[in-house]
Amino acid sequence: MDERDILVRIGELVEEERRLRDLHERGELNQAEEQRRLMRLEVALDQFWDLLRQRRAKDRAGEDPDEADVRPPGEVEGYLQ
C-alpha cells in the first residue's frame, strides 16, 4: 500500500464517519450502534495515520517505506497513554 492508497483509505474512513453521524442525527442509527461503529473507525484511522507517518519517516531516513507495517490497535491506541 503506497502513500496515495493510504490517503484514499483515510478519506473513505472519514466519509464513513460523517455518514454514521448523519444517520444518527436523522434517527436512523441509535447512539449505541453509532458509538460502536465510530470506535472501530477511529482505531482504523489511527492505524492508517500511523502507517503514513511510518512510511514518511522511513523515506526521510533513506529506508524503504514499503517496509512500514500496520501496527496492532493496542499499540497505536497506546501512544496517548
PDB file of N, CA and C in Angstrom:
ATOM      1  N   MET A   1       0.852  -1.170   0.000  1.00  0.00           N
ATOM      2  CA  MET A   1       0.000   0.000   0.000  1.00  0.00           C
ATOM      3  C   MET A   1       0.900   1.236   0.000  1.00  0.00           C
ATOM      4  N   ASP A   2       0.780   2.063  -1.033  1.00  0.00           N
ATOM      5  CA  ASP A   2       1.617   3.261  -1.096  1.00  0.00           C
ATOM      6  C   ASP A   2       0.908   4.441  -0.426  1.00  0.00           C
ATOM      7  N   GLU A   3       1.588   5.581  -0.385  1.00  0.00           N
ATOM      8  CA  GLU A   3       1.059   6.753   0.311  1.00  0.00           C
ATOM      9  C   GLU A   3      -0.296   7.191  -0.255  1.00  0.00           C
ATOM     10  N   ARG A   4      -0.414   7.154  -1.569  1.00  0.00           N
ATOM     11  CA  ARG A   4      -1.674   7.560  -2.191  1.00  0.00           C
ATOM     12  C   ARG A   4      -2.810   6.647  -1.756  1.00  0.00           C
ATOM     13  N   ASP A   5      -2.566   5.349  -1.733  1.00  0.00           N
ATOM     14  CA  ASP A   5      -3.581   4.385  -1.295  1.00  0.00           C
ATOM     15  C   ASP A   5      -3.995   4.633   0.153  1.00  0.00           C
ATOM     16  N   ILE A   6      -3.012   4.948   0.989  1.00  0.00           N
ATOM     17  CA  ILE A   6      -3.295   5.215   2.395  1.00  0.00           C
ATOM     18  C   ILE A   6      -4.169   6.458   2.526  1.00  0.00           C
ATOM     19  N   LEU A   7      -3.831   7.508   1.794  1.00  0.00           N
ATOM     20  CA  LEU A   7      -4.619   8.742   1.861  1.00  0.00           C
ATOM     21  C   LEU A   7      -6.042   8.529   1.348  1.00  0.00           C
ATOM     22  N   VAL A   8      -6.193   7.721   0.309  1.00  0.00           N
ATOM     23  CA  VAL A   8      -7.532   7.399  -0.200  1.00  0.00           C
ATOM     24  C   VAL A   8      -8.328   6.672   0.878  1.00  0.00           C
ATOM     25  N   ARG A   9      -7.691   5.696   1.522  1.00  0.00           N
ATOM     26  CA  ARG A   9      -8.385   4.927   2.564  1.00  0.00           C
ATOM     27  C   ARG A   9      -8.760   5.822   3.739  1.00  0.00           C
ATOM     28  N   ILE A  10      -7.886   6.741   4.130  1.00  0.00           N
ATOM     29  CA  ILE A  10      -8.200   7.688   5.207  1.00  0.00           C
ATOM     30  C   ILE A  10      -9.417   8.517   4.812  1.00  0.00           C
ATOM     31  N   GLY A  11      -9.454   8.991   3.580  1.00  0.00           N
ATOM     32  CA  GLY A  11     -10.603   9.763   3.099  1.00  0.00           C
ATOM     33  C   GLY A  11     -11.893   8.962   3.152  1.00  0.00           C
ATOM     34  N   GLU A  12     -11.815   7.694   2.793  1.00  0.00           N
ATOM     35  CA  GLU A  12     -13.004   6.832   2.839  1.00  0.00           C
ATOM     36  C   GLU A  12     -13.492   6.644   4.271  1.00  0.00           C
ATOM     37  N   LEU A  13     -12.563   6.469   5.190  1.00  0.00           N
ATOM     38  CA  LEU A  13     -12.947   6.289   6.587  1.00  0.00           C
ATOM     39  C   LEU A  13     -13.558   7.560   7.170  1.00  0.00           C
ATOM     40  N   VAL A  14     -13.016   8.710   6.807  1.00  0.00           N
ATOM     41  CA  VAL A  14     -13.576   9.989   7.267  1.00  0.00           C
ATOM     42  C   VAL A  14     -14.985  10.158   6.709  1.00  0.00           C
ATOM     43  N   GLU A  15     -15.184   9.808   5.460  1.00  0.00           N
ATOM     44  CA  GLU A  15     -16.519   9.897   4.853  1.00  0.00           C
ATOM     45  C   GLU A  15     -17.495   8.956   5.558  1.00  0.00           C
ATOM     46  N   GLU A  16     -17.050   7.771   5.876  1.00  0.00           N
ATOM     47  CA  GLU A  16     -17.900   6.821   6.606  1.00  0.00           C
ATOM     48  C   GLU A  16     -18.264   7.367   7.985  1.00  0.00           C
ATOM     49  N   GLU A  17     -17.316   8.031   8.629  1.00  0.00           N
ATOM     50  CA  GLU A  17     -17.578   8.655   9.928  1.00  0.00           C
ATOM     51  C   GLU A  17     -18.677   9.715   9.794  1.00  0.00           C
ATOM     52  N   ARG A  18     -18.581  10.533   8.780  1.00  0.00           N
ATOM     53  CA  ARG A  18     -19.610  11.561   8.539  1.00  0.00           C
ATOM     54  C   ARG A  18     -20.975  10.925   8.269  1.00  0.00           C
ATOM     55  N   ARG A  19     -20.967   9.855   7.494  1.00  0.00           N
ATOM     56  CA  ARG A  19     -22.212   9.166   7.166  1.00  0.00           C
ATOM     57  C   ARG A  19     -22.875   8.600   8.419  1.00  0.00           C
ATOM     58  N   LEU A  20     -22.081   8.008   9.283  1.00  0.00           N
ATOM     59  CA  LEU A  20     -22.633   7.464  10.535  1.00  0.00           C
ATOM     60  C   LEU A  20     -23.231   8.563  11.402  1.00  0.00           C
ATOM     61  N   ARG A  21     -22.548   9.680  11.503  1.00  0.00           N
ATOM     62  CA  ARG A  21     -23.065  10.793  12.306  1.00  0.00           C
ATOM     63  C   ARG A  21     -24.374  11.328  11.713  1.00  0.00           C
ATOM     64  N   ASP A  22     -24.426  11.408  10.390  1.00  0.00           N
ATOM     65  CA  ASP A  22     -25.661  11.852   9.731  1.00  0.00           C
ATOM     66  C   ASP A  22     -26.810  10.886   9.991  1.00  0.00           C
ATOM     67  N   LEU A  23     -26.534   9.596   9.906  1.00  0.00           N
ATOM     68  CA  LEU A  23     -27.571   8.595  10.181  1.00  0.00           C
ATOM     69  C   LEU A  23     -28.101   8.731  11.600  1.00  0.00           C
ATOM     70  N   HIS A  24     -27.206   8.948  12.532  1.00  0.00           N
ATOM     71  CA  HIS A  24     -27.623   9.114  13.925  1.00  0.00           C
ATOM     72  C   HIS A  24     -28.468  10.378  14.093  1.00  0.00           C
ATOM     73  N   GLU A  25     -28.027  11.472  13.490  1.00  0.00           N
ATOM     74  CA  GLU A  25     -28.772  12.739  13.598  1.00  0.00           C
ATOM     75  C   GLU A  25     -30.175  12.622  13.011  1.00  0.00           C
ATOM     76  N   ARG A  26     -30.328  11.808  11.975  1.00  0.00           N
ATOM     77  CA  ARG A  26     -31.641  11.625  11.348  1.00  0.00           C
ATOM     78  C   ARG A  26     -32.479  10.566  12.077  1.00  0.00           C
ATOM     79  N   GLY A  27     -31.923   9.967  13.121  1.00  0.00           N
ATOM     80  CA  GLY A  27     -32.645   8.959  13.876  1.00  0.00           C
ATOM     81  C   GLY A  27     -32.654   7.587  13.228  1.00  0.00           C
ATOM     82  N   GLU A  28     -31.793   7.374  12.247  1.00  0.00           N
ATOM     83  CA  GLU A  28     -31.745   6.098  11.543  1.00  0.00           C
ATOM     84  C   GLU A  28     -30.723   5.133  12.152  1.00  0.00           C
ATOM     85  N   LEU A  29     -30.013   5.594  13.182  1.00  0.00           N
ATOM     86  CA  LEU A  29     -28.996   4.774  13.833  1.00  0.00           C
ATOM     87  C   LEU A  29     -28.990   5.153  15.309  1.00  0.00           C
ATOM     88  N   ASN A  30     -29.153   4.167  16.188  1.00  0.00           N
ATOM     89  CA  ASN A  30     -29.177   4.507  17.618  1.00  0.00           C
ATOM     90  C   ASN A  30     -27.776   4.864  18.109  1.00  0.00           C
ATOM     91  N   GLN A  31     -27.719   5.526  19.237  1.00  0.00           N
ATOM     92  CA  GLN A  31     -26.453   6.046  19.744  1.00  0.00           C
ATOM     93  C   GLN A  31     -25.453   4.941  20.062  1.00  0.00           C
ATOM     94  N   ALA A  32     -25.916   3.845  20.623  1.00  0.00           N
ATOM     95  CA  ALA A  32     -25.004   2.755  20.976  1.00  0.00           C
ATOM     96  C   ALA A  32     -24.334   2.186  19.724  1.00  0.00           C
ATOM     97  N   GLU A  33     -25.122   1.980  18.680  1.00  0.00           N
ATOM     98  CA  GLU A  33     -24.565   1.448  17.430  1.00  0.00           C
ATOM     99  C   GLU A  33     -23.623   2.467  16.785  1.00  0.00           C
ATOM    100  N   GLU A  34     -24.021   3.738  16.815  1.00  0.00           N
ATOM    101  CA  GLU A  34     -23.154   4.783  16.259  1.00  0.00           C
ATOM    102  C   GLU A  34     -21.811   4.777  16.980  1.00  0.00           C
ATOM    103  N   GLN A  35     -21.837   4.750  18.297  1.00  0.00           N
ATOM    104  CA  GLN A  35     -20.596   4.778  19.076  1.00  0.00           C
ATOM    105  C   GLN A  35     -19.728   3.551  18.819  1.00  0.00           C
ATOM    106  N   ARG A  36     -20.353   2.383  18.741  1.00  0.00           N
ATOM    107  CA  ARG A  36     -19.609   1.153  18.475  1.00  0.00           C
ATOM    108  C   ARG A  36     -18.893   1.235  17.125  1.00  0.00           C
ATOM    109  N   ARG A  37     -19.622   1.677  16.125  1.00  0.00           N
ATOM    110  CA  ARG A  37     -19.043   1.759  14.782  1.00  0.00           C
ATOM    111  C   ARG A  37     -18.007   2.881  14.678  1.00  0.00           C
ATOM    112  N   LEU A  38     -18.255   4.002  15.350  1.00  0.00           N
ATOM    113  CA  LEU A  38     -17.298   5.107  15.336  1.00  0.00           C
ATOM    114  C   LEU A  38     -15.986   4.702  16.002  1.00  0.00           C
ATOM    115  N   MET A  39     -16.073   3.927  17.070  1.00  0.00           N
ATOM    116  CA  MET A  39     -14.848   3.498  17.739  1.00  0.00           C
ATOM    117  C   MET A  39     -13.991   2.640  16.812  1.00  0.00           C
ATOM    118  N   ARG A  40     -14.634   1.744  16.068  1.00  0.00           N
ATOM    119  CA  ARG A  40     -13.888   0.919  15.104  1.00  0.00           C
ATOM    120  C   ARG A  40     -13.238   1.792  14.034  1.00  0.00           C
ATOM    121  N   LEU A  41     -14.002   2.777  13.549  1.00  0.00           N
ATOM    122  CA  LEU A  41     -13.456   3.679  12.526  1.00  0.00           C
ATOM    123  C   LEU A  41     -12.275   4.481  13.060  1.00  0.00           C
ATOM    124  N   GLU A  42     -12.389   4.965  14.283  1.00  0.00           N
ATOM    125  CA  GLU A  42     -11.319   5.769  14.866  1.00  0.00           C
ATOM    126  C   GLU A  42     -10.033   4.961  15.021  1.00  0.00           C
ATOM    127  N   VAL A  43     -10.161   3.705  15.413  1.00  0.00           N
ATOM    128  CA  VAL A  43      -8.984   2.848  15.528  1.00  0.00           C
ATOM    129  C   VAL A  43      -8.351   2.653  14.148  1.00  0.00           C
ATOM    130  N   ALA A  44      -9.177   2.373  13.152  1.00  0.00           N
ATOM    131  CA  ALA A  44      -8.657   2.190  11.792  1.00  0.00           C
ATOM    132  C   ALA A  44      -7.982   3.464  11.292  1.00  0.00           C
ATOM    133  N   LEU A  45      -8.596   4.610  11.560  1.00  0.00           N
ATOM    134  CA  LEU A  45      -7.980   5.879  11.155  1.00  0.00           C
ATOM    135  C   LEU A  45      -6.627   6.064  11.827  1.00  0.00           C
ATOM    136  N   ASP A  46      -6.565   5.788  13.121  1.00  0.00           N
ATOM    137  CA  ASP A  46      -5.291   5.922  13.837  1.00  0.00           C
ATOM    138  C   ASP A  46      -4.238   5.004  13.233  1.00  0.00           C
ATOM    139  N   GLN A  47      -4.634   3.795  12.859  1.00  0.00           N
ATOM    140  CA  GLN A  47      -3.682   2.856  12.259  1.00  0.00           C
ATOM    141  C   GLN A  47      -3.168   3.372  10.912  1.00  0.00           C
ATOM    142  N   PHE A  48      -4.067   3.907  10.081  1.00  0.00           N
ATOM    143  CA  PHE A  48      -3.630   4.407   8.777  1.00  0.00           C
ATOM    144  C   PHE A  48      -2.771   5.661   8.907  1.00  0.00           C
ATOM    145  N   TRP A  49      -3.127   6.575   9.832  1.00  0.00           N
ATOM    146  CA  TRP A  49      -2.278   7.750  10.046  1.00  0.00           C
ATOM    147  C   TRP A  49      -0.905   7.325  10.540  1.00  0.00           C
ATOM    148  N   ASP A  50      -0.855   6.330  11.425  1.00  0.00           N
ATOM    149  CA  ASP A  50       0.414   5.823  11.923  1.00  0.00           C
ATOM    150  C   ASP A  50       1.235   5.215  10.785  1.00  0.00           C
ATOM    151  N   LEU A  51       0.583   4.443   9.934  1.00  0.00           N
ATOM    152  CA  LEU A  51       1.275   3.842   8.793  1.00  0.00           C
ATOM    153  C   LEU A  51       1.846   4.916   7.876  1.00  0.00           C
ATOM    154  N   LEU A  52       1.068   5.965   7.631  1.00  0.00           N
ATOM    155  CA  LEU A  52       1.542   7.062   6.789  1.00  0.00           C
ATOM    156  C   LEU A  52       2.762   7.736   7.421  1.00  0.00           C
ATOM    157  N   ARG A  53       2.711   7.984   8.729  1.00  0.00           N
ATOM    158  CA  ARG A  53       3.863   8.592   9.417  1.00  0.00           C
ATOM    159  C   ARG A  53       5.085   7.680   9.348  1.00  0.00           C
ATOM    160  N   GLN A  54       4.872   6.377   9.535  1.00  0.00           N
ATOM    161  CA  GLN A  54       5.992   5.426   9.431  1.00  0.00           C
ATOM    162  C   GLN A  54       6.634   5.487   8.053  1.00  0.00           C
ATOM    163  N   ARG A  55       5.798   5.460   7.009  1.00  0.00           N
ATOM    164  CA  ARG A  55       6.316   5.480   5.640  1.00  0.00           C
ATOM    165  C   ARG A  55       7.134   6.748   5.388  1.00  0.00           C
ATOM    166  N   ARG A  56       6.603   7.876   5.825  1.00  0.00           N
ATOM    167  CA  ARG A  56       7.298   9.145   5.594  1.00  0.00           C
ATOM    168  C   ARG A  56       8.607   9.197   6.375  1.00  0.00           C
ATOM    169  N   ALA A  57       8.611   8.683   7.595  1.00  0.00           N
ATOM    170  CA  ALA A  57       9.831   8.672   8.402  1.00  0.00           C
ATOM    171  C   ALA A  57      10.885   7.769   7.757  1.00  0.00           C
ATOM    172  N   LYS A  58      10.477   6.616   7.291  1.00  0.00           N
ATOM    173  CA  LYS A  58      11.423   5.711   6.630  1.00  0.00           C
ATOM    174  C   LYS A  58      11.991   6.357   5.370  1.00  0.00           C
ATOM    175  N   ASP A  59      11.141   7.019   4.614  1.00  0.00           N
ATOM    176  CA  ASP A  59      11.597   7.679   3.390  1.00  0.00           C
ATOM    177  C   ASP A  59      12.623   8.769   3.719  1.00  0.00           C
ATOM    178  N   ARG A  60      12.333   9.585   4.732  1.00  0.00           N
ATOM    179  CA  ARG A  60      13.276  10.643   5.128  1.00  0.00           C
ATOM    180  C   ARG A  60      14.597  10.074   5.624  1.00  0.00           C
ATOM    181  N   ALA A  61      14.536   8.893   6.231  1.00  0.00           N
ATOM    182  CA  ALA A  61      15.749   8.262   6.762  1.00  0.00           C
ATOM    183  C   ALA A  61      16.502   7.465   5.699  1.00  0.00           C
ATOM    184  N   GLY A  62      16.005   7.494   4.462  1.00  0.00           N
ATOM    185  CA  GLY A  62      16.658   6.769   3.381  1.00  0.00           C
ATOM    186  C   GLY A  62      16.352   5.277   3.384  1.00  0.00           C
ATOM    187  N   GLU A  63      15.325   4.886   4.126  1.00  0.00           N
ATOM    188  CA  GLU A  63      14.918   3.485   4.187  1.00  0.00           C
ATOM    189  C   GLU A  63      13.760   3.249   3.228  1.00  0.00           C
ATOM    190  N   ASP A  64      13.406   2.000   3.042  1.00  0.00           N
ATOM    191  CA  ASP A  64      12.315   1.623   2.150  1.00  0.00           C
ATOM    192  C   ASP A  64      10.970   1.821   2.845  1.00  0.00           C
ATOM    193  N   PRO A  65      10.147   2.753   2.381  1.00  0.00           N
ATOM    194  CA  PRO A  65       8.854   2.991   3.014  1.00  0.00           C
ATOM    195  C   PRO A  65       7.935   1.771   2.954  1.00  0.00           C
ATOM    196  N   ASP A  66       8.168   0.885   1.991  1.00  0.00           N
ATOM    197  CA  ASP A  66       7.339  -0.309   1.877  1.00  0.00           C
ATOM    198  C   ASP A  66       7.562  -1.296   3.023  1.00  0.00           C
ATOM    199  N   GLU A  67       8.575  -1.050   3.829  1.00  0.00           N
ATOM    200  CA  GLU A  67       8.815  -1.900   4.983  1.00  0.00           C
ATOM    201  C   GLU A  67       7.957  -1.504   6.183  1.00  0.00           C
ATOM    202  N   ALA A  68       7.239  -0.404   6.095  1.00  0.00           N
ATOM    203  CA  ALA A  68       6.341   0.016   7.175  1.00  0.00           C
ATOM    204  C   ALA A  68       5.151  -0.939   7.219  1.00  0.00           C
ATOM    205  N   ASP A  69       4.713  -1.235   8.419  1.00  0.00           N
ATOM    206  CA  ASP A  69       3.594  -2.155   8.608  1.00  0.00           C
ATOM    207  C   ASP A  69       2.509  -1.514   9.463  1.00  0.00           C
ATOM    208  N   VAL A  70       1.283  -1.968   9.236  1.00  0.00           N
ATOM    209  CA  VAL A  70       0.173  -1.543  10.095  1.00  0.00           C
ATOM    210  C   VAL A  70       0.422  -2.140  11.471  1.00  0.00           C
ATOM    211  N   ARG A  71       0.400  -1.283  12.472  1.00  0.00           N
ATOM    212  CA  ARG A  71       0.610  -1.758  13.842  1.00  0.00           C
ATOM    213  C   ARG A  71      -0.723  -2.169  14.446  1.00  0.00           C
ATOM    214  N   PRO A  72      -0.696  -3.084  15.418  1.00  0.00           N
ATOM    215  CA  PRO A  72      -1.938  -3.530  16.037  1.00  0.00           C
ATOM    216  C   PRO A  72      -2.633  -2.388  16.780  1.00  0.00           C
ATOM    217  N   PRO A  73      -3.964  -2.463  16.893  1.00  0.00           N
ATOM    218  CA  PRO A  73      -4.719  -1.406  17.569  1.00  0.00           C
ATOM    219  C   PRO A  73      -4.196  -1.064  18.963  1.00  0.00           C
ATOM    220  N   GLY A  74      -3.864  -2.073  19.746  1.00  0.00           N
ATOM    221  CA  GLY A  74      -3.379  -1.817  21.103  1.00  0.00           C
ATOM    222  C   GLY A  74      -2.110  -0.978  21.138  1.00  0.00           C
ATOM    223  N   GLU A  75      -1.262  -1.176  20.160  1.00  0.00           N
ATOM    224  CA  GLU A  75      -0.007  -0.412  20.100  1.00  0.00           C
ATOM    225  C   GLU A  75      -0.292   1.019  19.655  1.00  0.00           C
ATOM    226  N   VAL A  76      -1.084   1.173  18.620  1.00  0.00           N
ATOM    227  CA  VAL A  76      -1.376   2.519  18.097  1.00  0.00           C
ATOM    228  C   VAL A  76      -2.187   3.318  19.107  1.00  0.00           C
ATOM    229  N   GLU A  77      -3.186   2.707  19.702  1.00  0.00           N
ATOM    230  CA  GLU A  77      -4.036   3.400  20.659  1.00  0.00           C
ATOM    231  C   GLU A  77      -3.283   3.680  21.965  1.00  0.00           C
ATOM    232  N   GLY A  78      -2.245   2.924  22.252  1.00  0.00           N
ATOM    233  CA  GLY A  78      -1.486   3.104  23.486  1.00  0.00           C
ATOM    234  C   GLY A  78      -0.553   4.294  23.472  1.00  0.00           C
ATOM    235  N   TYR A  79      -0.370   4.937  22.315  1.00  0.00           N
ATOM    236  CA  TYR A  79       0.542   6.070  22.225  1.00  0.00           C
ATOM    237  C   TYR A  79       0.144   7.213  23.145  1.00  0.00           C
ATOM    238  N   LEU A  80      -1.153   7.394  23.338  1.00  0.00           N
ATOM    239  CA  LEU A  80      -1.628   8.537  24.130  1.00  0.00           C
ATOM    240  C   LEU A  80      -1.582   8.269  25.628  1.00  0.00           C
ATOM    241  N   GLN A  81      -1.318   7.045  26.021  1.00  0.00           N
ATOM    242  CA  GLN A  81      -1.343   6.727  27.457  1.00  0.00           C
ATOM    243  C   GLN A  81       0.011   6.741  28.074  1.00  0.00           C
TER     244      GLN A  81
END
